[in-house]
PDB file of all heavy atoms in Angstrom:
ATOM      1  N   ASP A   1     -26.961 -82.608   1.001  1.00  0.00           N
ATOM      2  CA  ASP A   1     -26.220 -83.754   1.469  1.00  0.00           C
ATOM      3  C   ASP A   1     -26.227 -83.827   2.981  1.00  0.00           C
ATOM      4  O   ASP A   1     -26.409 -82.807   3.661  1.00  0.00           O
ATOM      5  CB  ASP A   1     -24.794 -83.703   0.998  1.00  0.00           C
ATOM      6  CG  ASP A   1     -24.679 -83.696  -0.547  1.00  0.00           C
ATOM      7  OD1 ASP A   1     -25.337 -84.538  -1.158  1.00  0.00           O
ATOM      8  OD2 ASP A   1     -24.001 -82.777  -1.080  1.00  0.00           O
ATOM      9  N   ALA A   2     -26.045 -85.026   3.515  1.00  0.00           N
ATOM     10  CA  ALA A   2     -25.932 -85.207   4.944  1.00  0.00           C
ATOM     11  C   ALA A   2     -24.582 -84.775   5.468  1.00  0.00           C
ATOM     12  O   ALA A   2     -23.560 -85.231   4.917  1.00  0.00           O
ATOM     13  CB  ALA A   2     -26.194 -86.634   5.318  1.00  0.00           C
ATOM     14  N   GLU A   3     -24.556 -83.898   6.409  1.00  0.00           N
ATOM     15  CA  GLU A   3     -23.272 -83.447   6.989  1.00  0.00           C
ATOM     16  C   GLU A   3     -22.900 -84.365   8.150  1.00  0.00           C
ATOM     17  O   GLU A   3     -23.016 -84.002   9.328  1.00  0.00           O
ATOM     18  CB  GLU A   3     -23.445 -82.012   7.419  1.00  0.00           C
ATOM     19  CG  GLU A   3     -23.825 -81.077   6.263  1.00  0.00           C
ATOM     20  CD  GLU A   3     -24.235 -79.685   6.734  1.00  0.00           C
ATOM     21  OE1 GLU A   3     -23.340 -78.812   6.928  1.00  0.00           O
ATOM     22  OE2 GLU A   3     -25.456 -79.444   6.902  1.00  0.00           O
ATOM     23  N   LEU A   4     -22.486 -85.568   7.790  1.00  0.00           N
ATOM     24  CA  LEU A   4     -22.308 -86.621   8.767  1.00  0.00           C
ATOM     25  C   LEU A   4     -21.249 -86.301   9.829  1.00  0.00           C
ATOM     26  O   LEU A   4     -21.367 -86.776  10.951  1.00  0.00           O
ATOM     27  CB  LEU A   4     -21.939 -87.937   8.056  1.00  0.00           C
ATOM     28  CG  LEU A   4     -22.998 -88.489   7.116  1.00  0.00           C
ATOM     29  CD1 LEU A   4     -22.456 -89.707   6.365  1.00  0.00           C
ATOM     30  CD2 LEU A   4     -24.266 -88.874   7.881  1.00  0.00           C
ATOM     31  N   ASP A   5     -20.267 -85.510   9.463  1.00  0.00           N
ATOM     32  CA  ASP A   5     -19.199 -85.237  10.415  1.00  0.00           C
ATOM     33  C   ASP A   5     -19.723 -84.363  11.587  1.00  0.00           C
ATOM     34  O   ASP A   5     -19.072 -84.256  12.629  1.00  0.00           O
ATOM     35  CB  ASP A   5     -18.038 -84.520   9.715  1.00  0.00           C
ATOM     36  CG  ASP A   5     -18.465 -83.214   9.028  1.00  0.00           C
ATOM     37  OD1 ASP A   5     -19.578 -83.186   8.446  1.00  0.00           O
ATOM     38  OD2 ASP A   5     -17.721 -82.234   9.103  1.00  0.00           O
ATOM     39  N   LYS A   6     -20.868 -83.759  11.403  1.00  0.00           N
ATOM     40  CA  LYS A   6     -21.489 -82.960  12.450  1.00  0.00           C
ATOM     41  C   LYS A   6     -22.381 -83.717  13.426  1.00  0.00           C
ATOM     42  O   LYS A   6     -22.812 -83.188  14.428  1.00  0.00           O
ATOM     43  CB  LYS A   6     -22.290 -81.823  11.834  1.00  0.00           C
ATOM     44  CG  LYS A   6     -21.523 -80.785  11.030  1.00  0.00           C
ATOM     45  CD  LYS A   6     -22.464 -79.706  10.523  1.00  0.00           C
ATOM     46  CE  LYS A   6     -21.723 -78.617   9.730  1.00  0.00           C
ATOM     47  NZ  LYS A   6     -22.675 -77.587   9.287  1.00  0.00           N
ATOM     48  N   ALA A   7     -22.734 -84.979  13.064  1.00  0.00           N
ATOM     49  CA  ALA A   7     -23.827 -85.666  13.783  1.00  0.00           C
ATOM     50  C   ALA A   7     -23.365 -86.756  14.700  1.00  0.00           C
ATOM     51  O   ALA A   7     -22.463 -87.552  14.320  1.00  0.00           O
ATOM     52  CB  ALA A   7     -24.808 -86.242  12.738  1.00  0.00           C
ATOM     53  N   ASP A   8     -23.951 -86.836  15.885  1.00  0.00           N
ATOM     54  CA  ASP A   8     -23.772 -87.940  16.787  1.00  0.00           C
ATOM     55  C   ASP A   8     -24.831 -89.037  16.510  1.00  0.00           C
ATOM     56  O   ASP A   8     -24.601 -90.179  16.857  1.00  0.00           O
ATOM     57  CB  ASP A   8     -23.940 -87.501  18.238  1.00  0.00           C
ATOM     58  CG  ASP A   8     -22.959 -86.423  18.599  1.00  0.00           C
ATOM     59  OD1 ASP A   8     -21.740 -86.625  18.354  1.00  0.00           O
ATOM     60  OD2 ASP A   8     -23.352 -85.356  19.141  1.00  0.00           O
ATOM     61  N   VAL A   9     -25.947 -88.664  15.910  1.00  0.00           N
ATOM     62  CA  VAL A   9     -27.013 -89.600  15.621  1.00  0.00           C
ATOM     63  C   VAL A   9     -27.732 -89.098  14.358  1.00  0.00           C
ATOM     64  O   VAL A   9     -27.898 -87.897  14.162  1.00  0.00           O
ATOM     65  CB  VAL A   9     -27.999 -89.740  16.765  1.00  0.00           C
ATOM     66  CG1 VAL A   9     -28.623 -88.422  17.176  1.00  0.00           C
ATOM     67  CG2 VAL A   9     -29.104 -90.773  16.457  1.00  0.00           C
ATOM     68  N   ILE A  10     -28.115 -90.046  13.505  1.00  0.00           N
ATOM     69  CA  ILE A  10     -28.922 -89.677  12.337  1.00  0.00           C
ATOM     70  C   ILE A  10     -30.234 -90.429  12.401  1.00  0.00           C
ATOM     71  O   ILE A  10     -30.299 -91.603  12.776  1.00  0.00           O
ATOM     72  CB  ILE A  10     -28.210 -89.904  10.991  1.00  0.00           C
ATOM     73  CG1 ILE A  10     -27.762 -91.362  10.859  1.00  0.00           C
ATOM     74  CG2 ILE A  10     -27.045 -88.927  10.852  1.00  0.00           C
ATOM     75  CD1 ILE A  10     -27.195 -91.674   9.466  1.00  0.00           C
ATOM     76  N   PHE A  11     -31.306 -89.732  12.054  1.00  0.00           N
ATOM     77  CA  PHE A  11     -32.636 -90.308  11.915  1.00  0.00           C
ATOM     78  C   PHE A  11     -32.923 -90.484  10.459  1.00  0.00           C
ATOM     79  O   PHE A  11     -32.872 -89.523   9.680  1.00  0.00           O
ATOM     80  CB  PHE A  11     -33.687 -89.413  12.568  1.00  0.00           C
ATOM     81  CG  PHE A  11     -33.548 -89.255  14.049  1.00  0.00           C
ATOM     82  CD1 PHE A  11     -32.782 -88.251  14.634  1.00  0.00           C
ATOM     83  CD2 PHE A  11     -34.233 -90.125  14.934  1.00  0.00           C
ATOM     84  CE1 PHE A  11     -32.658 -88.096  15.983  1.00  0.00           C
ATOM     85  CE2 PHE A  11     -34.143 -89.991  16.313  1.00  0.00           C
ATOM     86  CZ  PHE A  11     -33.362 -88.947  16.823  1.00  0.00           C
ATOM     87  N   LEU A  12     -33.309 -91.698  10.077  1.00  0.00           N
ATOM     88  CA  LEU A  12     -33.619 -91.992   8.652  1.00  0.00           C
ATOM     89  C   LEU A  12     -35.116 -91.930   8.445  1.00  0.00           C
ATOM     90  O   LEU A  12     -35.850 -92.742   8.991  1.00  0.00           O
ATOM     91  CB  LEU A  12     -33.068 -93.364   8.271  1.00  0.00           C
ATOM     92  CG  LEU A  12     -31.601 -93.635   8.544  1.00  0.00           C
ATOM     93  CD1 LEU A  12     -31.186 -94.961   7.998  1.00  0.00           C
ATOM     94  CD2 LEU A  12     -30.679 -92.516   7.995  1.00  0.00           C
ATOM     95  N   CYS A  13     -35.551 -90.921   7.684  1.00  0.00           N
ATOM     96  CA  CYS A  13     -37.006 -90.684   7.452  1.00  0.00           C
ATOM     97  C   CYS A  13     -37.341 -90.725   5.962  1.00  0.00           C
ATOM     98  O   CYS A  13     -38.334 -90.109   5.559  1.00  0.00           O
ATOM     99  CB  CYS A  13     -37.386 -89.308   8.027  1.00  0.00           C
ATOM    100  SG  CYS A  13     -37.091 -89.140   9.805  1.00  0.00           S
ATOM    101  N   SER A  14     -36.530 -91.365   5.134  1.00  0.00           N
ATOM    102  CA  SER A  14     -36.720 -91.304   3.707  1.00  0.00           C
ATOM    103  C   SER A  14     -37.803 -92.215   3.157  1.00  0.00           C
ATOM    104  O   SER A  14     -38.082 -92.170   1.978  1.00  0.00           O
ATOM    105  CB  SER A  14     -35.389 -91.625   3.015  1.00  0.00           C
ATOM    106  OG  SER A  14     -34.431 -90.612   3.298  1.00  0.00           O
ATOM    107  N   GLY A  15     -38.326 -93.076   3.989  1.00  0.00           N
ATOM    108  CA  GLY A  15     -39.401 -93.961   3.516  1.00  0.00           C
ATOM    109  C   GLY A  15     -38.902 -95.392   3.353  1.00  0.00           C
ATOM    110  O   GLY A  15     -37.720 -95.663   3.284  1.00  0.00           O
ATOM    111  N   HIS A  16     -39.865 -96.295   3.288  1.00  0.00           N
ATOM    112  CA  HIS A  16     -39.585 -97.684   3.230  1.00  0.00           C
ATOM    113  C   HIS A  16     -38.823 -98.070   1.960  1.00  0.00           C
ATOM    114  O   HIS A  16     -39.124 -97.562   0.865  1.00  0.00           O
ATOM    115  CB  HIS A  16     -40.867 -98.509   3.332  1.00  0.00           C
ATOM    116  CG  HIS A  16     -41.730 -98.107   4.508  1.00  0.00           C
ATOM    117  ND1 HIS A  16     -41.216 -97.999   5.790  1.00  0.00           N
ATOM    118  CD2 HIS A  16     -43.047 -97.797   4.593  1.00  0.00           C
ATOM    119  CE1 HIS A  16     -42.194 -97.634   6.582  1.00  0.00           C
ATOM    120  NE2 HIS A  16     -43.287 -97.486   5.905  1.00  0.00           N
ATOM    121  N   GLY A  17     -37.828 -98.911   2.102  1.00  0.00           N
ATOM    122  CA  GLY A  17     -37.055 -99.396   0.960  1.00  0.00           C
ATOM    123  C   GLY A  17     -35.823 -98.586   0.657  1.00  0.00           C
ATOM    124  O   GLY A  17     -35.013 -99.004  -0.177  1.00  0.00           O
ATOM    125  N   LYS A  18     -35.628 -97.439   1.306  1.00  0.00           N
ATOM    126  CA  LYS A  18     -34.492 -96.577   1.023  1.00  0.00           C
ATOM    127  C   LYS A  18     -33.420 -96.643   2.119  1.00  0.00           C
ATOM    128  O   LYS A  18     -32.245 -96.330   1.829  1.00  0.00           O
ATOM    129  CB  LYS A  18     -34.944 -95.127   0.832  1.00  0.00           C
ATOM    130  CG  LYS A  18     -35.894 -94.918  -0.339  1.00  0.00           C
ATOM    131  CD  LYS A  18     -36.309 -93.485  -0.490  1.00  0.00           C
ATOM    132  CE  LYS A  18     -37.250 -93.300  -1.697  1.00  0.00           C
ATOM    133  NZ  LYS A  18     -37.668 -91.847  -1.832  1.00  0.00           N
ATOM    134  N   SER A  19     -33.791 -97.001   3.296  1.00  0.00           N
ATOM    135  CA  SER A  19     -32.858 -96.932   4.420  1.00  0.00           C
ATOM    136  C   SER A  19     -31.701 -97.931   4.269  1.00  0.00           C
ATOM    137  O   SER A  19     -30.562 -97.618   4.573  1.00  0.00           O
ATOM    138  CB  SER A  19     -33.567 -97.177   5.750  1.00  0.00           C
ATOM    139  OG  SER A  19     -34.451 -96.091   6.045  1.00  0.00           O
ATOM    140  N   LYS A  20     -31.994 -99.130   3.852  1.00  0.00           N
ATOM    141  CA  LYS A  20     -30.973-100.170   3.839  1.00  0.00           C
ATOM    142  C   LYS A  20     -29.835 -99.779   2.877  1.00  0.00           C
ATOM    143  O   LYS A  20     -28.680 -99.859   3.230  1.00  0.00           O
ATOM    144  CB  LYS A  20     -31.568-101.522   3.466  1.00  0.00           C
ATOM    145  CG  LYS A  20     -30.580-102.659   3.525  1.00  0.00           C
ATOM    146  CD  LYS A  20     -31.244-104.027   3.576  1.00  0.00           C
ATOM    147  CE  LYS A  20     -31.838-104.268   4.931  1.00  0.00           C
ATOM    148  NZ  LYS A  20     -32.263-105.679   5.070  1.00  0.00           N
ATOM    149  N   SER A  21     -30.206 -99.304   1.678  1.00  0.00           N
ATOM    150  CA  SER A  21     -29.155 -98.900   0.751  1.00  0.00           C
ATOM    151  C   SER A  21     -28.392 -97.700   1.265  1.00  0.00           C
ATOM    152  O   SER A  21     -27.184 -97.605   1.046  1.00  0.00           O
ATOM    153  CB  SER A  21     -29.767 -98.620  -0.642  1.00  0.00           C
ATOM    154  OG  SER A  21     -30.716 -97.565  -0.560  1.00  0.00           O
ATOM    155  N   TYR A  22     -29.067 -96.821   1.957  1.00  0.00           N
ATOM    156  CA  TYR A  22     -28.379 -95.628   2.510  1.00  0.00           C
ATOM    157  C   TYR A  22     -27.384 -96.066   3.593  1.00  0.00           C
ATOM    158  O   TYR A  22     -26.231 -95.615   3.595  1.00  0.00           O
ATOM    159  CB  TYR A  22     -29.399 -94.643   3.099  1.00  0.00           C
ATOM    160  CG  TYR A  22     -28.698 -93.398   3.604  1.00  0.00           C
ATOM    161  CD1 TYR A  22     -28.410 -92.363   2.746  1.00  0.00           C
ATOM    162  CD2 TYR A  22     -28.354 -93.274   4.957  1.00  0.00           C
ATOM    163  CE1 TYR A  22     -27.754 -91.221   3.213  1.00  0.00           C
ATOM    164  CE2 TYR A  22     -27.694 -92.141   5.423  1.00  0.00           C
ATOM    165  CZ  TYR A  22     -27.404 -91.109   4.541  1.00  0.00           C
ATOM    166  OH  TYR A  22     -26.745 -90.014   4.997  1.00  0.00           O
ATOM    167  N   VAL A  23     -27.813 -96.928   4.464  1.00  0.00           N
ATOM    168  CA  VAL A  23     -26.912 -97.392   5.563  1.00  0.00           C
ATOM    169  C   VAL A  23     -25.687 -98.092   4.945  1.00  0.00           C
ATOM    170  O   VAL A  23     -24.563 -97.893   5.373  1.00  0.00           O
ATOM    171  CB  VAL A  23     -27.670 -98.322   6.508  1.00  0.00           C
ATOM    172  CG1 VAL A  23     -26.672 -99.049   7.445  1.00  0.00           C
ATOM    173  CG2 VAL A  23     -28.677 -97.567   7.328  1.00  0.00           C
ATOM    174  N   HIS A  24     -25.911 -98.901   3.904  1.00  0.00           N
ATOM    175  CA  HIS A  24     -24.790 -99.639   3.304  1.00  0.00           C
ATOM    176  C   HIS A  24     -23.844 -98.690   2.564  1.00  0.00           C
ATOM    177  O   HIS A  24     -22.711 -99.085   2.312  1.00  0.00           O
ATOM    178  CB  HIS A  24     -25.345-100.694   2.363  1.00  0.00           C
ATOM    179  CG  HIS A  24     -26.053-101.823   3.019  1.00  0.00           C
ATOM    180  ND1 HIS A  24     -26.827-102.752   2.368  1.00  0.00           N
ATOM    181  CD2 HIS A  24     -26.088-102.163   4.336  1.00  0.00           C
ATOM    182  CE1 HIS A  24     -27.318-103.606   3.220  1.00  0.00           C
ATOM    183  NE2 HIS A  24     -26.882-103.297   4.432  1.00  0.00           N
ATOM    184  N   SER A  25     -24.297 -97.471   2.226  1.00  0.00           N
ATOM    185  CA  SER A  25     -23.445 -96.539   1.509  1.00  0.00           C
ATOM    186  C   SER A  25     -22.691 -95.608   2.449  1.00  0.00           C
ATOM    187  O   SER A  25     -21.882 -94.775   1.986  1.00  0.00           O
ATOM    188  CB  SER A  25     -24.297 -95.718   0.542  1.00  0.00           C
ATOM    189  OG  SER A  25     -25.120 -94.786   1.228  1.00  0.00           O
ATOM    190  N   LEU A  26     -22.987 -95.697   3.747  1.00  0.00           N
ATOM    191  CA  LEU A  26     -22.324 -94.785   4.707  1.00  0.00           C
ATOM    192  C   LEU A  26     -20.834 -95.037   4.751  1.00  0.00           C
ATOM    193  O   LEU A  26     -20.381 -96.201   4.692  1.00  0.00           O
ATOM    194  CB  LEU A  26     -22.887 -94.973   6.110  1.00  0.00           C
ATOM    195  CG  LEU A  26     -24.298 -94.410   6.353  1.00  0.00           C
ATOM    196  CD1 LEU A  26     -24.828 -94.868   7.715  1.00  0.00           C
ATOM    197  CD2 LEU A  26     -24.275 -92.887   6.288  1.00  0.00           C
ATOM    198  N   PRO A  27     -20.004 -94.013   4.836  1.00  0.00           N
ATOM    199  CA  PRO A  27     -18.565 -94.209   4.903  1.00  0.00           C
ATOM    200  C   PRO A  27     -18.160 -94.878   6.218  1.00  0.00           C
ATOM    201  O   PRO A  27     -18.829 -94.743   7.240  1.00  0.00           O
ATOM    202  CB  PRO A  27     -18.007 -92.779   4.878  1.00  0.00           C
ATOM    203  CG  PRO A  27     -19.131 -91.919   5.352  1.00  0.00           C
ATOM    204  CD  PRO A  27     -20.389 -92.545   4.909  1.00  0.00           C
ATOM    205  N   ASP A  28     -17.065 -95.629   6.165  1.00  0.00           N
ATOM    206  CA  ASP A  28     -16.598 -96.356   7.335  1.00  0.00           C
ATOM    207  C   ASP A  28     -16.251 -95.392   8.491  1.00  0.00           C
ATOM    208  O   ASP A  28     -16.275 -95.781   9.672  1.00  0.00           O
ATOM    209  CB  ASP A  28     -15.354 -97.167   6.989  1.00  0.00           C
ATOM    210  CG  ASP A  28     -15.663 -98.307   6.032  1.00  0.00           C
ATOM    211  OD1 ASP A  28     -16.823 -98.714   5.990  1.00  0.00           O
ATOM    212  OD2 ASP A  28     -14.746 -98.798   5.385  1.00  0.00           O
ATOM    213  N   SER A  29     -16.000 -94.145   8.128  1.00  0.00           N
ATOM    214  CA  SER A  29     -15.608 -93.160   9.128  1.00  0.00           C
ATOM    215  C   SER A  29     -16.797 -92.704  10.014  1.00  0.00           C
ATOM    216  O   SER A  29     -16.572 -92.146  11.080  1.00  0.00           O
ATOM    217  CB  SER A  29     -14.989 -91.924   8.486  1.00  0.00           C
ATOM    218  OG  SER A  29     -15.897 -91.346   7.558  1.00  0.00           O
ATOM    219  N   PHE A  30     -18.014 -92.989   9.572  1.00  0.00           N
ATOM    220  CA  PHE A  30     -19.173 -92.558  10.355  1.00  0.00           C
ATOM    221  C   PHE A  30     -19.360 -93.541  11.514  1.00  0.00           C
ATOM    222  O   PHE A  30     -19.618 -94.724  11.341  1.00  0.00           O
ATOM    223  CB  PHE A  30     -20.440 -92.502   9.491  1.00  0.00           C
ATOM    224  CG  PHE A  30     -21.647 -92.083  10.277  1.00  0.00           C
ATOM    225  CD1 PHE A  30     -21.752 -90.765  10.756  1.00  0.00           C
ATOM    226  CD2 PHE A  30     -22.679 -92.981  10.584  1.00  0.00           C
ATOM    227  CE1 PHE A  30     -22.876 -90.385  11.514  1.00  0.00           C
ATOM    228  CE2 PHE A  30     -23.781 -92.566  11.294  1.00  0.00           C
ATOM    229  CZ  PHE A  30     -23.880 -91.296  11.777  1.00  0.00           C
ATOM    230  N   SER A  31     -19.302 -92.993  12.752  1.00  0.00           N
ATOM    231  CA  SER A  31     -19.449 -93.831  13.931  1.00  0.00           C
ATOM    232  C   SER A  31     -20.646 -93.424  14.742  1.00  0.00           C
ATOM    233  O   SER A  31     -20.777 -93.917  15.894  1.00  0.00           O
ATOM    234  CB  SER A  31     -18.157 -93.716  14.787  1.00  0.00           C
ATOM    235  OG  SER A  31     -17.963 -92.357  15.173  1.00  0.00           O
ATOM    236  N   GLY A  32     -21.524 -92.608  14.213  1.00  0.00           N
ATOM    237  CA  GLY A  32     -22.670 -92.144  14.967  1.00  0.00           C
ATOM    238  C   GLY A  32     -23.759 -93.206  15.073  1.00  0.00           C
ATOM    239  O   GLY A  32     -23.708 -94.271  14.448  1.00  0.00           O
ATOM    240  N   LYS A  33     -24.739 -92.943  15.916  1.00  0.00           N
ATOM    241  CA  LYS A  33     -25.849 -93.830  16.084  1.00  0.00           C
ATOM    242  C   LYS A  33     -26.834 -93.644  14.928  1.00  0.00           C
ATOM    243  O   LYS A  33     -26.861 -92.558  14.280  1.00  0.00           O
ATOM    244  CB  LYS A  33     -26.588 -93.509  17.388  1.00  0.00           C
ATOM    245  CG  LYS A  33     -25.727 -93.343  18.617  1.00  0.00           C
ATOM    246  CD  LYS A  33     -25.029 -94.632  19.037  1.00  0.00           C
ATOM    247  CE  LYS A  33     -24.328 -94.400  20.381  1.00  0.00           C
ATOM    248  NZ  LYS A  33     -23.596 -95.609  20.828  1.00  0.00           N
ATOM    249  N   ILE A  34     -27.653 -94.663  14.634  1.00  0.00           N
ATOM    250  CA  ILE A  34     -28.615 -94.587  13.565  1.00  0.00           C
ATOM    251  C   ILE A  34     -29.977 -95.054  14.114  1.00  0.00           C
ATOM    252  O   ILE A  34     -30.084 -96.103  14.785  1.00  0.00           O
ATOM    253  CB  ILE A  34     -28.241 -95.505  12.397  1.00  0.00           C
ATOM    254  CG1 ILE A  34     -26.844 -95.110  11.839  1.00  0.00           C
ATOM    255  CG2 ILE A  34     -29.285 -95.428  11.304  1.00  0.00           C
ATOM    256  CD1 ILE A  34     -26.330 -96.096  10.796  1.00  0.00           C
ATOM    257  N   ILE A  35     -31.005 -94.251  13.865  1.00  0.00           N
ATOM    258  CA  ILE A  35     -32.375 -94.614  14.207  1.00  0.00           C
ATOM    259  C   ILE A  35     -33.178 -94.562  12.924  1.00  0.00           C
ATOM    260  O   ILE A  35     -33.372 -93.518  12.317  1.00  0.00           O
ATOM    261  CB  ILE A  35     -32.956 -93.717  15.315  1.00  0.00           C
ATOM    262  CG1 ILE A  35     -32.113 -93.824  16.574  1.00  0.00           C
ATOM    263  CG2 ILE A  35     -34.415 -94.103  15.573  1.00  0.00           C
ATOM    264  CD1 ILE A  35     -32.503 -92.864  17.670  1.00  0.00           C
ATOM    265  N   ASP A  36     -33.649 -95.729  12.467  1.00  0.00           N
ATOM    266  CA  ASP A  36     -34.360 -95.819  11.204  1.00  0.00           C
ATOM    267  C   ASP A  36     -35.849 -95.886  11.443  1.00  0.00           C
ATOM    268  O   ASP A  36     -36.341 -96.744  12.191  1.00  0.00           O
ATOM    269  CB  ASP A  36     -33.916 -97.104  10.460  1.00  0.00           C
ATOM    270  CG  ASP A  36     -34.610 -97.283   9.133  1.00  0.00           C
ATOM    271  OD1 ASP A  36     -34.985 -96.273   8.532  1.00  0.00           O
ATOM    272  OD2 ASP A  36     -34.837 -98.458   8.752  1.00  0.00           O
ATOM    273  N   LEU A  37     -36.604 -94.983  10.833  1.00  0.00           N
ATOM    274  CA  LEU A  37     -38.044 -94.922  11.001  1.00  0.00           C
ATOM    275  C   LEU A  37     -38.798 -95.691   9.919  1.00  0.00           C
ATOM    276  O   LEU A  37     -40.017 -95.672   9.892  1.00  0.00           O
ATOM    277  CB  LEU A  37     -38.531 -93.476  11.095  1.00  0.00           C
ATOM    278  CG  LEU A  37     -38.329 -92.805  12.456  1.00  0.00           C
ATOM    279  CD1 LEU A  37     -36.908 -92.324  12.597  1.00  0.00           C
ATOM    280  CD2 LEU A  37     -39.289 -91.670  12.664  1.00  0.00           C
ATOM    281  N   SER A  38     -38.093 -96.314   8.981  1.00  0.00           N
ATOM    282  CA  SER A  38     -38.733 -97.134   7.960  1.00  0.00           C
ATOM    283  C   SER A  38     -38.872 -98.584   8.466  1.00  0.00           C
ATOM    284  O   SER A  38     -38.494 -98.923   9.581  1.00  0.00           O
ATOM    285  CB  SER A  38     -37.941 -97.101   6.659  1.00  0.00           C
ATOM    286  OG  SER A  38     -36.848 -97.999   6.727  1.00  0.00           O
ATOM    287  N   ASN A  39     -39.359 -99.451   7.579  1.00  0.00           N
ATOM    288  CA  ASN A  39     -39.498-100.881   7.992  1.00  0.00           C
ATOM    289  C   ASN A  39     -38.341-101.738   7.492  1.00  0.00           C
ATOM    290  O   ASN A  39     -38.399-102.937   7.584  1.00  0.00           O
ATOM    291  CB  ASN A  39     -40.822-101.456   7.458  1.00  0.00           C
ATOM    292  CG  ASN A  39     -40.899-101.470   5.939  1.00  0.00           C
ATOM    293  OD1 ASN A  39     -39.920-101.182   5.231  1.00  0.00           O
ATOM    294  ND2 ASN A  39     -42.084-101.787   5.415  1.00  0.00           N
ATOM    295  N   ASP A  40     -37.250-101.086   7.035  1.00  0.00           N
ATOM    296  CA  ASP A  40     -36.202-101.877   6.381  1.00  0.00           C
ATOM    297  C   ASP A  40     -35.429-102.826   7.296  1.00  0.00           C
ATOM    298  O   ASP A  40     -34.913-103.871   6.813  1.00  0.00           O
ATOM    299  CB  ASP A  40     -35.155-100.949   5.741  1.00  0.00           C
ATOM    300  CG  ASP A  40     -35.719-100.235   4.464  1.00  0.00           C
ATOM    301  OD1 ASP A  40     -36.938-100.252   4.294  1.00  0.00           O
ATOM    302  OD2 ASP A  40     -34.902 -99.693   3.706  1.00  0.00           O
ATOM    303  N   PHE A  41     -35.377-102.509   8.579  1.00  0.00           N
ATOM    304  CA  PHE A  41     -34.575-103.361   9.496  1.00  0.00           C
ATOM    305  C   PHE A  41     -35.400-103.935  10.646  1.00  0.00           C
ATOM    306  O   PHE A  41     -34.856-104.476  11.623  1.00  0.00           O
ATOM    307  CB  PHE A  41     -33.443-102.527  10.100  1.00  0.00           C
ATOM    308  CG  PHE A  41     -32.421-102.049   9.118  1.00  0.00           C
ATOM    309  CD1 PHE A  41     -32.450-100.736   8.638  1.00  0.00           C
ATOM    310  CD2 PHE A  41     -31.425-102.888   8.637  1.00  0.00           C
ATOM    311  CE1 PHE A  41     -31.520-100.289   7.736  1.00  0.00           C
ATOM    312  CE2 PHE A  41     -30.475-102.438   7.713  1.00  0.00           C
ATOM    313  CZ  PHE A  41     -30.558-101.128   7.248  1.00  0.00           C
ATOM    314  N   ARG A  42     -36.721-103.862  10.538  1.00  0.00           N
ATOM    315  CA  ARG A  42     -37.572-104.293  11.689  1.00  0.00           C
ATOM    316  C   ARG A  42     -37.652-105.814  11.822  1.00  0.00           C
ATOM    317  O   ARG A  42     -37.813-106.315  12.952  1.00  0.00           O
ATOM    318  CB  ARG A  42     -38.973-103.717  11.502  1.00  0.00           C
ATOM    319  CG  ARG A  42     -39.050-102.222  11.701  1.00  0.00           C
ATOM    320  CD  ARG A  42     -40.439-101.701  11.343  1.00  0.00           C
ATOM    321  NE  ARG A  42     -40.479-100.230  11.412  1.00  0.00           N
ATOM    322  CZ  ARG A  42     -41.420 -99.518  10.818  1.00  0.00           C
ATOM    323  NH1 ARG A  42     -42.387-100.110  10.125  1.00  0.00           N
ATOM    324  NH2 ARG A  42     -41.364 -98.173  10.872  1.00  0.00           N
ATOM    325  N   LEU A  43     -37.608-106.525  10.755  1.00  0.00           N
ATOM    326  CA  LEU A  43     -37.780-107.992  10.834  1.00  0.00           C
ATOM    327  C   LEU A  43     -36.416-108.644  11.043  1.00  0.00           C
ATOM    328  O   LEU A  43     -35.366-108.178  10.579  1.00  0.00           O
ATOM    329  CB  LEU A  43     -38.426-108.531   9.566  1.00  0.00           C
ATOM    330  CG  LEU A  43     -39.802-107.993   9.226  1.00  0.00           C
ATOM    331  CD1 LEU A  43     -40.343-108.625   7.957  1.00  0.00           C
ATOM    332  CD2 LEU A  43     -40.791-108.226  10.400  1.00  0.00           C
ATOM    333  N   ALA A  44     -36.454-109.772  11.747  1.00  0.00           N
ATOM    334  CA  ALA A  44     -35.199-110.440  12.123  1.00  0.00           C
ATOM    335  C   ALA A  44     -34.340-110.770  10.922  1.00  0.00           C
ATOM    336  O   ALA A  44     -33.114-110.677  10.943  1.00  0.00           O
ATOM    337  CB  ALA A  44     -35.514-111.717  12.924  1.00  0.00           C
ATOM    338  N   ALA A  45     -34.991-111.171   9.809  1.00  0.00           N
ATOM    339  CA  ALA A  45     -34.270-111.556   8.614  1.00  0.00           C
ATOM    340  C   ALA A  45     -33.529-110.366   8.002  1.00  0.00           C
ATOM    341  O   ALA A  45     -32.546-110.568   7.262  1.00  0.00           O
ATOM    342  CB  ALA A  45     -35.205-112.161   7.577  1.00  0.00           C
TER     343      ALA A  45
END
């Protein structure tokens, strides 16, 4: 599991199509930065 309470930033490397659902499942308490290496958020739409 991700130890989110330890992180100031998380890098998402799980592959295309998985990042968006992961981001949407993050707890409201997580205030760290997110850098996604998939294509899930690259397009304006």
